[in-house]
mmCIF file of all heavy atoms, coordinates in Angstrom:
data_MODEL
# 
_entry.id   MODEL 
# 
loop_
_atom_site.group_PDB 
_atom_site.id 
_atom_site.type_symbol 
_atom_site.label_atom_id 
_atom_site.label_alt_id 
_atom_site.label_comp_id 
_atom_site.label_asym_id 
_atom_site.label_entity_id 
_atom_site.label_seq_id 
_atom_site.pdbx_PDB_ins_code 
_atom_site.Cartn_x 
_atom_site.Cartn_y 
_atom_site.Cartn_z 
_atom_site.occupancy 
_atom_site.B_iso_or_equiv 
_atom_site.pdbx_formal_charge 
_atom_site.auth_seq_id 
_atom_site.auth_comp_id 
_atom_site.auth_asym_id 
_atom_site.auth_atom_id 
_atom_site.pdbx_PDB_model_num 
ATOM 1   N N   . MET A 1 1  ? 0.802   -1.237  -0.023  1.00 0.00 ? 1  MET A N   1 
ATOM 2   C CA  . MET A 1 1  ? 0.011   -0.009  0.014   1.00 0.00 ? 1  MET A CA  1 
ATOM 3   C C   . MET A 1 1  ? 0.844   1.217   -0.007  1.00 0.00 ? 1  MET A C   1 
ATOM 4   O O   . MET A 1 1  ? 0.399   2.315   -0.373  1.00 0.00 ? 1  MET A O   1 
ATOM 5   C CB  . MET A 1 1  ? -0.933  0.022   1.234   1.00 0.00 ? 1  MET A CB  1 
ATOM 6   C CG  . MET A 1 1  ? -2.075  -1.050  1.135   1.00 0.00 ? 1  MET A CG  1 
ATOM 7   S SD  . MET A 1 1  ? -3.054  -0.848  -0.390  1.00 0.00 ? 1  MET A SD  1 
ATOM 8   C CE  . MET A 1 1  ? -3.731  0.782   -0.164  1.00 0.00 ? 1  MET A CE  1 
ATOM 9   N N   . ALA A 1 2  ? 2.088   1.155   0.389   1.00 0.00 ? 2  ALA A N   1 
ATOM 10  C CA  . ALA A 1 2  ? 3.042   2.324   0.424   1.00 0.00 ? 2  ALA A CA  1 
ATOM 11  C C   . ALA A 1 2  ? 3.514   2.634   -1.005  1.00 0.00 ? 2  ALA A C   1 
ATOM 12  O O   . ALA A 1 2  ? 4.142   3.727   -1.179  1.00 0.00 ? 2  ALA A O   1 
ATOM 13  C CB  . ALA A 1 2  ? 4.157   2.094   1.327   1.00 0.00 ? 2  ALA A CB  1 
ATOM 14  N N   . VAL A 1 3  ? 3.308   1.805   -1.941  1.00 0.00 ? 3  VAL A N   1 
ATOM 15  C CA  . VAL A 1 3  ? 3.772   2.093   -3.352  1.00 0.00 ? 3  VAL A CA  1 
ATOM 16  C C   . VAL A 1 3  ? 3.032   3.305   -3.827  1.00 0.00 ? 3  VAL A C   1 
ATOM 17  O O   . VAL A 1 3  ? 1.796   3.368   -3.729  1.00 0.00 ? 3  VAL A O   1 
ATOM 18  C CB  . VAL A 1 3  ? 3.567   0.864   -4.252  1.00 0.00 ? 3  VAL A CB  1 
ATOM 19  C CG1 . VAL A 1 3  ? 3.817   1.220   -5.722  1.00 0.00 ? 3  VAL A CG1 1 
ATOM 20  C CG2 . VAL A 1 3  ? 4.381   -0.269  -3.817  1.00 0.00 ? 3  VAL A CG2 1 
ATOM 21  N N   . PRO A 1 4  ? 3.736   4.326   -4.297  1.00 0.00 ? 4  PRO A N   1 
ATOM 22  C CA  . PRO A 1 4  ? 3.047   5.550   -4.796  1.00 0.00 ? 4  PRO A CA  1 
ATOM 23  C C   . PRO A 1 4  ? 2.018   5.171   -5.852  1.00 0.00 ? 4  PRO A C   1 
ATOM 24  O O   . PRO A 1 4  ? 2.295   4.455   -6.807  1.00 0.00 ? 4  PRO A O   1 
ATOM 25  C CB  . PRO A 1 4  ? 4.214   6.371   -5.418  1.00 0.00 ? 4  PRO A CB  1 
ATOM 26  C CG  . PRO A 1 4  ? 5.417   5.909   -4.685  1.00 0.00 ? 4  PRO A CG  1 
ATOM 27  C CD  . PRO A 1 4  ? 5.176   4.461   -4.408  1.00 0.00 ? 4  PRO A CD  1 
ATOM 28  N N   . GLY A 1 5  ? 0.781   5.708   -5.662  1.00 0.00 ? 5  GLY A N   1 
ATOM 29  C CA  . GLY A 1 5  ? -0.292  5.504   -6.619  1.00 0.00 ? 5  GLY A CA  1 
ATOM 30  C C   . GLY A 1 5  ? -1.067  4.241   -6.360  1.00 0.00 ? 5  GLY A C   1 
ATOM 31  O O   . GLY A 1 5  ? -2.084  3.994   -7.049  1.00 0.00 ? 5  GLY A O   1 
ATOM 32  N N   . MET A 1 6  ? -0.728  3.423   -5.402  1.00 0.00 ? 6  MET A N   1 
ATOM 33  C CA  . MET A 1 6  ? -1.345  2.128   -5.140  1.00 0.00 ? 6  MET A CA  1 
ATOM 34  C C   . MET A 1 6  ? -2.759  2.447   -4.484  1.00 0.00 ? 6  MET A C   1 
ATOM 35  O O   . MET A 1 6  ? -2.900  3.299   -3.633  1.00 0.00 ? 6  MET A O   1 
ATOM 36  C CB  . MET A 1 6  ? -0.582  1.321   -4.129  1.00 0.00 ? 6  MET A CB  1 
ATOM 37  C CG  . MET A 1 6  ? -1.208  -0.039  -3.838  1.00 0.00 ? 6  MET A CG  1 
ATOM 38  S SD  . MET A 1 6  ? -1.452  -1.122  -5.251  1.00 0.00 ? 6  MET A SD  1 
ATOM 39  C CE  . MET A 1 6  ? 0.233   -1.452  -5.781  1.00 0.00 ? 6  MET A CE  1 
ATOM 40  N N   . THR A 1 7  ? -3.759  1.768   -5.028  1.00 0.00 ? 7  THR A N   1 
ATOM 41  C CA  . THR A 1 7  ? -5.103  1.910   -4.429  1.00 0.00 ? 7  THR A CA  1 
ATOM 42  C C   . THR A 1 7  ? -5.491  0.603   -3.755  1.00 0.00 ? 7  THR A C   1 
ATOM 43  O O   . THR A 1 7  ? -4.836  -0.452  -4.097  1.00 0.00 ? 7  THR A O   1 
ATOM 44  C CB  . THR A 1 7  ? -6.180  2.198   -5.551  1.00 0.00 ? 7  THR A CB  1 
ATOM 45  O OG1 . THR A 1 7  ? -6.200  1.090   -6.449  1.00 0.00 ? 7  THR A OG1 1 
ATOM 46  C CG2 . THR A 1 7  ? -5.787  3.479   -6.303  1.00 0.00 ? 7  THR A CG2 1 
ATOM 47  N N   . VAL A 1 8  ? -6.456  0.613   -2.944  1.00 0.00 ? 8  VAL A N   1 
ATOM 48  C CA  . VAL A 1 8  ? -6.900  -0.588  -2.276  1.00 0.00 ? 8  VAL A CA  1 
ATOM 49  C C   . VAL A 1 8  ? -7.444  -1.584  -3.289  1.00 0.00 ? 8  VAL A C   1 
ATOM 50  O O   . VAL A 1 8  ? -7.145  -2.764  -3.248  1.00 0.00 ? 8  VAL A O   1 
ATOM 51  C CB  . VAL A 1 8  ? -8.056  -0.263  -1.227  1.00 0.00 ? 8  VAL A CB  1 
ATOM 52  C CG1 . VAL A 1 8  ? -8.676  -1.507  -0.699  1.00 0.00 ? 8  VAL A CG1 1 
ATOM 53  C CG2 . VAL A 1 8  ? -7.417  0.555   -0.083  1.00 0.00 ? 8  VAL A CG2 1 
ATOM 54  N N   . ALA A 1 9  ? -8.165  -1.066  -4.375  1.00 0.00 ? 9  ALA A N   1 
ATOM 55  C CA  . ALA A 1 9  ? -8.681  -1.977  -5.384  1.00 0.00 ? 9  ALA A CA  1 
ATOM 56  C C   . ALA A 1 9  ? -7.550  -2.659  -6.151  1.00 0.00 ? 9  ALA A C   1 
ATOM 57  O O   . ALA A 1 9  ? -7.635  -3.874  -6.399  1.00 0.00 ? 9  ALA A O   1 
ATOM 58  C CB  . ALA A 1 9  ? -9.573  -1.177  -6.304  1.00 0.00 ? 9  ALA A CB  1 
ATOM 59  N N   . THR A 1 10 ? -6.506  -1.930  -6.483  1.00 0.00 ? 10 THR A N   1 
ATOM 60  C CA  . THR A 1 10 ? -5.371  -2.465  -7.181  1.00 0.00 ? 10 THR A CA  1 
ATOM 61  C C   . THR A 1 10 ? -4.615  -3.492  -6.287  1.00 0.00 ? 10 THR A C   1 
ATOM 62  O O   . THR A 1 10 ? -4.280  -4.576  -6.729  1.00 0.00 ? 10 THR A O   1 
ATOM 63  C CB  . THR A 1 10 ? -4.409  -1.388  -7.635  1.00 0.00 ? 10 THR A CB  1 
ATOM 64  O OG1 . THR A 1 10 ? -5.106  -0.491  -8.511  1.00 0.00 ? 10 THR A OG1 1 
ATOM 65  C CG2 . THR A 1 10 ? -3.213  -1.975  -8.423  1.00 0.00 ? 10 THR A CG2 1 
ATOM 66  N N   . ALA A 1 11 ? -4.441  -3.169  -5.008  1.00 0.00 ? 11 ALA A N   1 
ATOM 67  C CA  . ALA A 1 11 ? -3.754  -4.093  -4.095  1.00 0.00 ? 11 ALA A CA  1 
ATOM 68  C C   . ALA A 1 11 ? -4.628  -5.383  -3.973  1.00 0.00 ? 11 ALA A C   1 
ATOM 69  O O   . ALA A 1 11 ? -4.071  -6.454  -3.910  1.00 0.00 ? 11 ALA A O   1 
ATOM 70  C CB  . ALA A 1 11 ? -3.620  -3.411  -2.764  1.00 0.00 ? 11 ALA A CB  1 
ATOM 71  N N   . ALA A 1 12 ? -5.910  -5.239  -3.933  1.00 0.00 ? 12 ALA A N   1 
ATOM 72  C CA  . ALA A 1 12 ? -6.780  -6.373  -3.907  1.00 0.00 ? 12 ALA A CA  1 
ATOM 73  C C   . ALA A 1 12 ? -6.590  -7.375  -5.097  1.00 0.00 ? 12 ALA A C   1 
ATOM 74  O O   . ALA A 1 12 ? -6.507  -8.546  -4.939  1.00 0.00 ? 12 ALA A O   1 
ATOM 75  C CB  . ALA A 1 12 ? -8.261  -5.992  -3.759  1.00 0.00 ? 12 ALA A CB  1 
ATOM 76  N N   . GLN A 1 13 ? -6.524  -6.712  -6.266  1.00 0.00 ? 13 GLN A N   1 
ATOM 77  C CA  . GLN A 1 13 ? -6.277  -7.486  -7.536  1.00 0.00 ? 13 GLN A CA  1 
ATOM 78  C C   . GLN A 1 13 ? -4.920  -8.178  -7.411  1.00 0.00 ? 13 GLN A C   1 
ATOM 79  O O   . GLN A 1 13 ? -4.816  -9.349  -7.759  1.00 0.00 ? 13 GLN A O   1 
ATOM 80  C CB  . GLN A 1 13 ? -6.332  -6.559  -8.720  1.00 0.00 ? 13 GLN A CB  1 
ATOM 81  C CG  . GLN A 1 13 ? -7.762  -6.162  -9.116  1.00 0.00 ? 13 GLN A CG  1 
ATOM 82  C CD  . GLN A 1 13 ? -8.554  -7.383  -9.519  1.00 0.00 ? 13 GLN A CD  1 
ATOM 83  O OE1 . GLN A 1 13 ? -8.156  -8.217  -10.302 1.00 0.00 ? 13 GLN A OE1 1 
ATOM 84  N NE2 . GLN A 1 13 ? -9.804  -7.451  -9.048  1.00 0.00 ? 13 GLN A NE2 1 
ATOM 85  N N   . ILE A 1 14 ? -3.932  -7.412  -7.026  1.00 0.00 ? 14 ILE A N   1 
ATOM 86  C CA  . ILE A 1 14 ? -2.544  -8.051  -6.900  1.00 0.00 ? 14 ILE A CA  1 
ATOM 87  C C   . ILE A 1 14 ? -2.524  -9.191  -5.871  1.00 0.00 ? 14 ILE A C   1 
ATOM 88  O O   . ILE A 1 14 ? -1.951  -10.259 -6.137  1.00 0.00 ? 14 ILE A O   1 
ATOM 89  C CB  . ILE A 1 14 ? -1.530  -6.925  -6.589  1.00 0.00 ? 14 ILE A CB  1 
ATOM 90  C CG1 . ILE A 1 14 ? -1.390  -5.952  -7.697  1.00 0.00 ? 14 ILE A CG1 1 
ATOM 91  C CG2 . ILE A 1 14 ? -0.145  -7.546  -6.162  1.00 0.00 ? 14 ILE A CG2 1 
ATOM 92  C CD1 . ILE A 1 14 ? -0.598  -4.692  -7.360  1.00 0.00 ? 14 ILE A CD1 1 
ATOM 93  N N   . GLY A 1 15 ? -3.130  -8.922  -4.790  1.00 0.00 ? 15 GLY A N   1 
ATOM 94  C CA  . GLY A 1 15 ? -3.137  -9.940  -3.689  1.00 0.00 ? 15 GLY A CA  1 
ATOM 95  C C   . GLY A 1 15 ? -4.191  -11.041 -3.833  1.00 0.00 ? 15 GLY A C   1 
ATOM 96  O O   . GLY A 1 15 ? -4.226  -11.960 -2.980  1.00 0.00 ? 15 GLY A O   1 
ATOM 97  N N   . GLY A 1 16 ? -5.053  -10.934 -4.839  1.00 0.00 ? 16 GLY A N   1 
ATOM 98  C CA  . GLY A 1 16 ? -6.044  -11.957 -5.035  1.00 0.00 ? 16 GLY A CA  1 
ATOM 99  C C   . GLY A 1 16 ? -7.078  -12.079 -3.929  1.00 0.00 ? 16 GLY A C   1 
ATOM 100 O O   . GLY A 1 16 ? -7.523  -13.150 -3.528  1.00 0.00 ? 16 GLY A O   1 
ATOM 101 N N   . THR A 1 17 ? -7.479  -10.885 -3.432  1.00 0.00 ? 17 THR A N   1 
ATOM 102 C CA  . THR A 1 17 ? -8.430  -10.820 -2.318  1.00 0.00 ? 17 THR A CA  1 
ATOM 103 C C   . THR A 1 17 ? -9.443  -9.727  -2.560  1.00 0.00 ? 17 THR A C   1 
ATOM 104 O O   . THR A 1 17 ? -9.502  -9.119  -3.616  1.00 0.00 ? 17 THR A O   1 
ATOM 105 C CB  . THR A 1 17 ? -7.721  -10.709 -0.975  1.00 0.00 ? 17 THR A CB  1 
ATOM 106 O OG1 . THR A 1 17 ? -8.669  -10.936 0.061   1.00 0.00 ? 17 THR A OG1 1 
ATOM 107 C CG2 . THR A 1 17 ? -6.991  -9.426  -0.825  1.00 0.00 ? 17 THR A CG2 1 
ATOM 108 N N   . THR A 1 18 ? -10.165 -9.372  -1.530  1.00 0.00 ? 18 THR A N   1 
ATOM 109 C CA  . THR A 1 18 ? -11.144 -8.253  -1.608  1.00 0.00 ? 18 THR A CA  1 
ATOM 110 C C   . THR A 1 18 ? -10.598 -6.986  -1.135  1.00 0.00 ? 18 THR A C   1 
ATOM 111 O O   . THR A 1 18 ? -9.595  -7.013  -0.241  1.00 0.00 ? 18 THR A O   1 
ATOM 112 C CB  . THR A 1 18 ? -12.422 -8.640  -0.823  1.00 0.00 ? 18 THR A CB  1 
ATOM 113 O OG1 . THR A 1 18 ? -12.081 -8.690  0.514   1.00 0.00 ? 18 THR A OG1 1 
ATOM 114 C CG2 . THR A 1 18 ? -13.055 -9.929  -1.323  1.00 0.00 ? 18 THR A CG2 1 
ATOM 115 N N   . ALA A 1 19 ? -11.204 -5.884  -1.491  1.00 0.00 ? 19 ALA A N   1 
ATOM 116 C CA  . ALA A 1 19 ? -10.758 -4.577  -0.969  1.00 0.00 ? 19 ALA A CA  1 
ATOM 117 C C   . ALA A 1 19 ? -10.957 -4.470  0.557   1.00 0.00 ? 19 ALA A C   1 
ATOM 118 O O   . ALA A 1 19 ? -10.141 -3.825  1.179   1.00 0.00 ? 19 ALA A O   1 
ATOM 119 C CB  . ALA A 1 19 ? -11.517 -3.436  -1.719  1.00 0.00 ? 19 ALA A CB  1 
ATOM 120 N N   . ILE A 1 20 ? -12.033 -5.096  1.017   1.00 0.00 ? 20 ILE A N   1 
ATOM 121 C CA  . ILE A 1 20 ? -12.262 -5.058  2.466   1.00 0.00 ? 20 ILE A CA  1 
ATOM 122 C C   . ILE A 1 20 ? -11.107 -5.694  3.228   1.00 0.00 ? 20 ILE A C   1 
ATOM 123 O O   . ILE A 1 20 ? -10.633 -5.179  4.222   1.00 0.00 ? 20 ILE A O   1 
ATOM 124 C CB  . ILE A 1 20 ? -13.589 -5.749  2.845   1.00 0.00 ? 20 ILE A CB  1 
ATOM 125 C CG1 . ILE A 1 20 ? -14.765 -4.916  2.245   1.00 0.00 ? 20 ILE A CG1 1 
ATOM 126 C CG2 . ILE A 1 20 ? -13.720 -6.010  4.301   1.00 0.00 ? 20 ILE A CG2 1 
ATOM 127 C CD1 . ILE A 1 20 ? -16.103 -5.578  2.334   1.00 0.00 ? 20 ILE A CD1 1 
ATOM 128 N N   . LYS A 1 21 ? -10.653 -6.872  2.757   1.00 0.00 ? 21 LYS A N   1 
ATOM 129 C CA  . LYS A 1 21 ? -9.511  -7.548  3.383   1.00 0.00 ? 21 LYS A CA  1 
ATOM 130 C C   . LYS A 1 21 ? -8.247  -6.693  3.313   1.00 0.00 ? 21 LYS A C   1 
ATOM 131 O O   . LYS A 1 21 ? -7.480  -6.668  4.241   1.00 0.00 ? 21 LYS A O   1 
ATOM 132 C CB  . LYS A 1 21 ? -9.331  -8.907  2.887   1.00 0.00 ? 21 LYS A CB  1 
ATOM 133 C CG  . LYS A 1 21 ? -10.443 -9.914  3.292   1.00 0.00 ? 21 LYS A CG  1 
ATOM 134 C CD  . LYS A 1 21 ? -10.184 -11.311 2.800   1.00 0.00 ? 21 LYS A CD  1 
ATOM 135 C CE  . LYS A 1 21 ? -11.262 -12.195 3.188   1.00 0.00 ? 21 LYS A CE  1 
ATOM 136 N NZ  . LYS A 1 21 ? -11.127 -13.590 2.758   1.00 0.00 ? 21 LYS A NZ  1 
ATOM 137 N N   . VAL A 1 22 ? -8.016  -6.071  2.140   1.00 0.00 ? 22 VAL A N   1 
ATOM 138 C CA  . VAL A 1 22 ? -6.849  -5.216  2.042   1.00 0.00 ? 22 VAL A CA  1 
ATOM 139 C C   . VAL A 1 22 ? -6.906  -4.081  3.063   1.00 0.00 ? 22 VAL A C   1 
ATOM 140 O O   . VAL A 1 22 ? -5.923  -3.817  3.743   1.00 0.00 ? 22 VAL A O   1 
ATOM 141 C CB  . VAL A 1 22 ? -6.707  -4.678  0.623   1.00 0.00 ? 22 VAL A CB  1 
ATOM 142 C CG1 . VAL A 1 22 ? -5.605  -3.679  0.536   1.00 0.00 ? 22 VAL A CG1 1 
ATOM 143 C CG2 . VAL A 1 22 ? -6.480  -5.825  -0.357  1.00 0.00 ? 22 VAL A CG2 1 
ATOM 144 N N   . SER A 1 23 ? -8.075  -3.534  3.179   1.00 0.00 ? 23 SER A N   1 
ATOM 145 C CA  . SER A 1 23 ? -8.219  -2.401  4.155   1.00 0.00 ? 23 SER A CA  1 
ATOM 146 C C   . SER A 1 23 ? -7.919  -2.919  5.595   1.00 0.00 ? 23 SER A C   1 
ATOM 147 O O   . SER A 1 23 ? -7.271  -2.200  6.356   1.00 0.00 ? 23 SER A O   1 
ATOM 148 C CB  . SER A 1 23 ? -9.600  -1.823  4.109   1.00 0.00 ? 23 SER A CB  1 
ATOM 149 O OG  . SER A 1 23 ? -9.828  -1.196  2.868   1.00 0.00 ? 23 SER A OG  1 
ATOM 150 N N   . ARG A 1 24 ? -8.472  -4.061  5.892   1.00 0.00 ? 24 ARG A N   1 
ATOM 151 C CA  . ARG A 1 24 ? -8.168  -4.591  7.228   1.00 0.00 ? 24 ARG A CA  1 
ATOM 152 C C   . ARG A 1 24 ? -6.736  -4.847  7.463   1.00 0.00 ? 24 ARG A C   1 
ATOM 153 O O   . ARG A 1 24 ? -6.163  -4.533  8.524   1.00 0.00 ? 24 ARG A O   1 
ATOM 154 C CB  . ARG A 1 24 ? -8.994  -5.873  7.500   1.00 0.00 ? 24 ARG A CB  1 
ATOM 155 C CG  . ARG A 1 24 ? -10.451 -5.610  7.705   1.00 0.00 ? 24 ARG A CG  1 
ATOM 156 C CD  . ARG A 1 24 ? -11.184 -6.943  7.912   1.00 0.00 ? 24 ARG A CD  1 
ATOM 157 N NE  . ARG A 1 24 ? -12.636 -6.671  7.946   1.00 0.00 ? 24 ARG A NE  1 
ATOM 158 C CZ  . ARG A 1 24 ? -13.542 -7.572  7.613   1.00 0.00 ? 24 ARG A CZ  1 
ATOM 159 N NH1 . ARG A 1 24 ? -13.174 -8.787  7.314   1.00 0.00 ? 24 ARG A NH1 1 
ATOM 160 N NH2 . ARG A 1 24 ? -14.829 -7.297  7.735   1.00 0.00 ? 24 ARG A NH2 1 
ATOM 161 N N   . TRP A 1 25 ? -6.054  -5.507  6.500   1.00 0.00 ? 25 TRP A N   1 
ATOM 162 C CA  . TRP A 1 25 ? -4.645  -5.824  6.626   1.00 0.00 ? 25 TRP A CA  1 
ATOM 163 C C   . TRP A 1 25 ? -3.830  -4.568  6.759   1.00 0.00 ? 25 TRP A C   1 
ATOM 164 O O   . TRP A 1 25 ? -2.924  -4.489  7.523   1.00 0.00 ? 25 TRP A O   1 
ATOM 165 C CB  . TRP A 1 25 ? -4.155  -6.684  5.434   1.00 0.00 ? 25 TRP A CB  1 
ATOM 166 C CG  . TRP A 1 25 ? -4.373  -8.111  5.587   1.00 0.00 ? 25 TRP A CG  1 
ATOM 167 C CD1 . TRP A 1 25 ? -5.249  -8.903  4.813   1.00 0.00 ? 25 TRP A CD1 1 
ATOM 168 C CD2 . TRP A 1 25 ? -3.864  -9.015  6.539   1.00 0.00 ? 25 TRP A CD2 1 
ATOM 169 N NE1 . TRP A 1 25 ? -5.220  -10.131 5.198   1.00 0.00 ? 25 TRP A NE1 1 
ATOM 170 C CE2 . TRP A 1 25 ? -4.382  -10.321 6.273   1.00 0.00 ? 25 TRP A CE2 1 
ATOM 171 C CE3 . TRP A 1 25 ? -2.967  -8.912  7.560   1.00 0.00 ? 25 TRP A CE3 1 
ATOM 172 C CZ2 . TRP A 1 25 ? -4.017  -11.431 7.035   1.00 0.00 ? 25 TRP A CZ2 1 
ATOM 173 C CZ3 . TRP A 1 25 ? -2.588  -10.034 8.348   1.00 0.00 ? 25 TRP A CZ3 1 
ATOM 174 C CH2 . TRP A 1 25 ? -3.150  -11.265 8.075   1.00 0.00 ? 25 TRP A CH2 1 
# 
């Protein structure tokens, strides 16, 4: 998430999970 320009939605796609889980993590 510290990568410049990273969004929760993009992180979720990269991590193969949901945006809610990314937000929690």
